[in-house]
Amino acid sequence: MAGRPREFDTDDVLEAAMQCFWSNGYESTSLTDLVDATGLLKGSLYHAFGDKHSLFKQSLKRYLTKMRGRIRSALEESDGPIEGVRDSLHCVIDIADADSRQPRGCMAINSLVERAPIDAEARSIMLEHRKQVSKLFVDRLQSAQAAGEIEPDQDLEQTVALLMTFVAGLAATMKGPLSKREAHRLLDAQMDAVL
């Protein structure tokens, strides 16, 4: 006997769960919060997505996939490689404060701070994301280096690591005293200093 077909959209449920984890963090997100956010009953939620940790991992992967998509788009739509990296990093700031009523920071950075030290699976997901984004940026900057826009002896992997760490700090600080406008200004200053 076949089971009943699912009567919900998996993408919609994951999006709702992702928003919930992003706003509240892992520890502060209760099962009740997830049930309320997704509109599913507890049994349906667990049957479809597993336990809270499994749903969190799927939500985090969804967030990171969306972020990489925006980064790729910014890289492809920009006038040149350096501007592409600049525009991509500005996208990260925009994502971190997409709702001016409730600055949530970047879900990736929030998860890195909250979960990575104690959650090997979350740490592994984050490391893979960082590796993929770093490669996108290094590849793009190599073309700028080949065109003579960057010094030939500049270590691009180190430059990208510095920029990504800087933006992570901005995204974390935006949960508190740093405004989105100031974050954009500081990012431009850092880009000008290293490239």
Protein backbone atom coordinates (compact mmCIF):
# COMPACT_ATOMS: atom_id res chain seq x y z
CA MET A 1 0.00 0.00 0.00
CA ALA A 2 1.46 3.34 -1.05
CA GLY A 3 1.58 6.19 1.40
CA ARG A 4 -0.35 9.37 0.85
CA PRO A 5 1.41 11.90 -1.36
CA ARG A 6 2.90 14.89 0.39
CA GLU A 7 0.55 17.82 0.49
CA PHE A 8 3.17 20.52 0.88
CA ASP A 9 5.92 22.09 -1.18
CA THR A 10 9.31 20.96 0.12
CA ASP A 11 11.01 24.17 -1.05
CA ASP A 12 8.45 26.33 0.74
CA VAL A 13 8.88 24.37 3.97
CA LEU A 14 12.68 24.53 3.78
CA GLU A 15 12.53 28.25 3.06
CA ALA A 16 10.32 28.80 6.11
CA ALA A 17 12.60 26.68 8.32
CA MET A 18 15.66 28.49 6.98
CA GLN A 19 14.11 31.87 7.82
CA CYS A 20 13.28 30.62 11.30
CA PHE A 21 16.80 29.35 12.02
CA TRP A 22 18.27 32.51 10.48
CA SER A 23 16.21 34.79 12.71
CA ASN A 24 16.50 32.82 15.95
CA GLY A 25 19.66 30.75 15.70
CA TYR A 26 19.79 27.01 16.18
CA GLU A 27 19.53 26.80 19.95
CA SER A 28 16.75 29.37 20.26
CA THR A 29 14.61 27.77 17.56
CA SER A 30 12.13 25.41 19.16
CA LEU A 31 10.11 22.68 17.54
CA THR A 32 7.05 24.87 18.13
CA ASP A 33 8.75 27.69 16.20
CA LEU A 34 9.42 25.33 13.29
CA VAL A 35 5.86 23.96 13.33
CA ASP A 36 4.49 27.52 13.36
CA ALA A 37 6.85 28.70 10.61
CA THR A 38 6.33 25.76 8.27
CA GLY A 39 2.67 25.08 8.91
CA LEU A 40 3.39 21.35 9.25
CA LEU A 41 2.52 19.20 12.21
CA LYS A 42 5.41 17.83 14.25
CA GLY A 43 5.03 14.29 12.85
CA SER A 44 4.92 15.48 9.25
CA LEU A 45 7.95 17.70 9.79
CA TYR A 46 10.00 14.88 11.28
CA HIS A 47 8.82 12.37 8.69
CA ALA A 48 9.79 14.63 5.80
CA PHE A 49 12.97 16.23 7.14
CA GLY A 50 14.19 14.23 10.12
CA ASP A 51 14.99 15.78 13.47
CA LYS A 52 15.72 19.44 14.23
CA HIS A 53 19.42 19.05 13.49
CA SER A 54 18.73 17.45 10.12
CA LEU A 55 16.30 20.22 9.22
CA PHE A 56 18.89 22.80 10.30
CA LYS A 57 21.55 21.24 8.05
CA GLN A 58 19.17 21.24 5.09
CA SER A 59 18.24 24.86 5.85
CA LEU A 60 21.87 25.91 6.12
CA LYS A 61 22.71 24.19 2.83
CA ARG A 62 19.77 25.97 1.20
CA TYR A 63 20.98 29.34 2.50
CA LEU A 64 24.54 28.73 1.30
CA THR A 65 23.39 27.52 -2.12
CA LYS A 66 21.32 30.67 -2.52
CA MET A 67 24.25 32.81 -1.40
CA ARG A 68 26.60 31.17 -3.92
CA GLY A 69 24.01 31.76 -6.62
CA ARG A 70 23.93 35.47 -5.82
CA ILE A 71 27.71 35.59 -5.72
CA ARG A 72 27.95 33.90 -9.14
CA SER A 73 25.39 36.28 -10.59
CA ALA A 74 27.27 39.31 -9.28
CA LEU A 75 30.53 37.94 -10.68
CA GLU A 76 29.00 37.32 -14.10
CA GLU A 77 27.08 40.60 -14.34
CA SER A 78 29.93 42.91 -13.33
CA ASP A 79 32.10 44.89 -15.71
CA GLY A 80 35.36 43.23 -14.71
CA PRO A 81 36.88 40.67 -12.36
CA ILE A 82 37.77 43.03 -9.53
CA GLU A 83 34.37 44.73 -9.72
CA GLY A 84 32.77 41.29 -9.77
CA VAL A 85 34.44 40.34 -6.49
CA ARG A 86 33.54 43.74 -5.02
CA ASP A 87 29.89 43.41 -6.11
CA SER A 88 29.73 39.85 -4.74
CA LEU A 89 30.99 40.90 -1.35
CA HIS A 90 28.53 43.78 -1.27
CA CYS A 91 25.82 41.17 -1.94
CA VAL A 92 26.87 39.34 1.23
CA ILE A 93 26.37 42.56 3.21
CA ASP A 94 22.96 43.06 1.60
CA ILE A 95 21.95 39.50 2.48
CA ALA A 96 23.11 39.98 6.07
CA ASP A 97 20.76 42.93 6.52
CA ALA A 98 17.95 42.28 4.06
CA ASP A 99 15.34 43.33 6.62
CA SER A 100 16.15 46.69 8.17
CA ARG A 101 13.54 46.10 10.90
CA GLN A 102 15.43 43.07 12.21
CA PRO A 103 19.12 42.86 11.33
CA ARG A 104 19.81 39.16 11.40
CA GLY A 105 23.37 39.11 10.18
CA CYS A 106 24.47 36.42 7.78
CA MET A 107 23.04 32.97 8.53
CA ALA A 108 26.38 31.45 7.50
CA ILE A 109 28.33 33.57 9.97
CA ASN A 110 25.70 33.13 12.68
CA SER A 111 25.93 29.36 12.22
CA LEU A 112 29.71 29.44 12.14
CA VAL A 113 29.81 31.22 15.47
CA GLU A 114 27.02 29.26 17.15
CA ARG A 115 27.37 25.75 15.74
CA ALA A 116 30.77 25.16 14.12
CA PRO A 117 32.72 24.86 17.39
CA ILE A 118 30.43 22.07 18.63
CA ASP A 119 28.85 20.64 15.49
CA ALA A 120 31.20 18.83 13.13
CA GLU A 121 28.57 18.51 10.42
CA ALA A 122 27.77 22.23 10.42
CA ARG A 123 31.50 22.99 10.42
CA SER A 124 32.02 20.70 7.43
CA ILE A 125 29.15 22.36 5.51
CA MET A 126 30.64 25.78 6.22
CA LEU A 127 34.17 24.75 5.21
CA GLU A 128 32.91 23.38 1.90
CA HIS A 129 31.02 26.59 1.24
CA ARG A 130 34.07 28.72 2.03
CA LYS A 131 36.19 26.56 -0.26
CA GLN A 132 33.75 26.94 -3.16
CA VAL A 133 33.38 30.71 -2.75
CA SER A 134 37.12 31.16 -2.35
CA LYS A 135 37.70 29.29 -5.61
CA LEU A 136 35.16 31.49 -7.41
CA PHE A 137 36.97 34.62 -6.23
CA VAL A 138 40.50 33.35 -6.84
CA ASP A 139 39.60 32.22 -10.35
CA ARG A 140 38.10 35.63 -11.11
CA LEU A 141 41.07 37.53 -9.69
CA GLN A 142 43.51 35.35 -11.65
CA SER A 143 42.03 36.77 -14.83
CA ALA A 144 42.57 40.30 -13.46
CA GLN A 145 46.12 39.36 -12.58
CA ALA A 146 46.71 38.00 -16.09
CA ALA A 147 45.37 41.28 -17.51
CA GLY A 148 47.84 43.28 -15.39
CA GLU A 149 45.18 44.74 -13.08
CA ILE A 150 46.76 43.07 -10.03
CA GLU A 151 50.45 42.77 -9.24
CA PRO A 152 51.83 39.48 -10.62
CA ASP A 153 53.33 38.44 -7.27
CA GLN A 154 50.21 39.12 -5.17
CA ASP A 155 49.06 35.99 -3.34
CA LEU A 156 45.45 35.77 -4.48
CA GLU A 157 44.44 32.99 -2.10
CA GLN A 158 45.65 35.05 0.83
CA THR A 159 43.94 38.17 -0.55
CA VAL A 160 40.65 36.32 -0.92
CA ALA A 161 40.97 34.82 2.58
CA LEU A 162 41.54 38.32 3.97
CA LEU A 163 38.51 39.75 2.14
CA MET A 164 36.24 36.88 3.15
CA THR A 165 37.33 37.16 6.80
CA PHE A 166 36.79 40.92 6.70
CA VAL A 167 33.26 40.54 5.29
CA ALA A 168 32.49 37.85 7.87
CA GLY A 169 33.45 40.34 10.57
CA LEU A 170 31.25 43.01 9.00
CA ALA A 171 28.30 40.60 8.77
CA ALA A 172 28.71 39.62 12.42
CA THR A 173 29.00 43.23 13.57
CA MET A 174 25.89 44.22 11.62
CA LYS A 175 23.84 42.30 14.19
CA GLY A 176 24.81 45.08 16.57
CA PRO A 177 26.20 48.57 16.15
CA LEU A 178 27.38 48.56 12.52
CA SER A 179 24.95 49.98 9.98
CA LYS A 180 24.57 48.54 6.51
CA ARG A 181 25.75 51.82 4.99
CA GLU A 182 28.91 51.82 7.12
CA ALA A 183 29.56 48.16 6.28
CA HIS A 184 29.43 48.96 2.56
CA ARG A 185 31.79 51.91 3.07
CA LEU A 186 34.28 49.83 5.05
CA LEU A 187 34.18 47.05 2.47
CA ASP A 188 35.03 49.50 -0.32
CA ALA A 189 37.93 50.86 1.74
CA GLN A 190 39.25 47.33 2.35
CA MET A 191 38.90 46.38 -1.32
CA ASP A 192 40.81 49.51 -2.33
CA ALA A 193 43.53 48.70 0.19
CA VAL A 194 44.16 45.11 -0.93
CA LEU A 195 43.47 45.21 -4.68
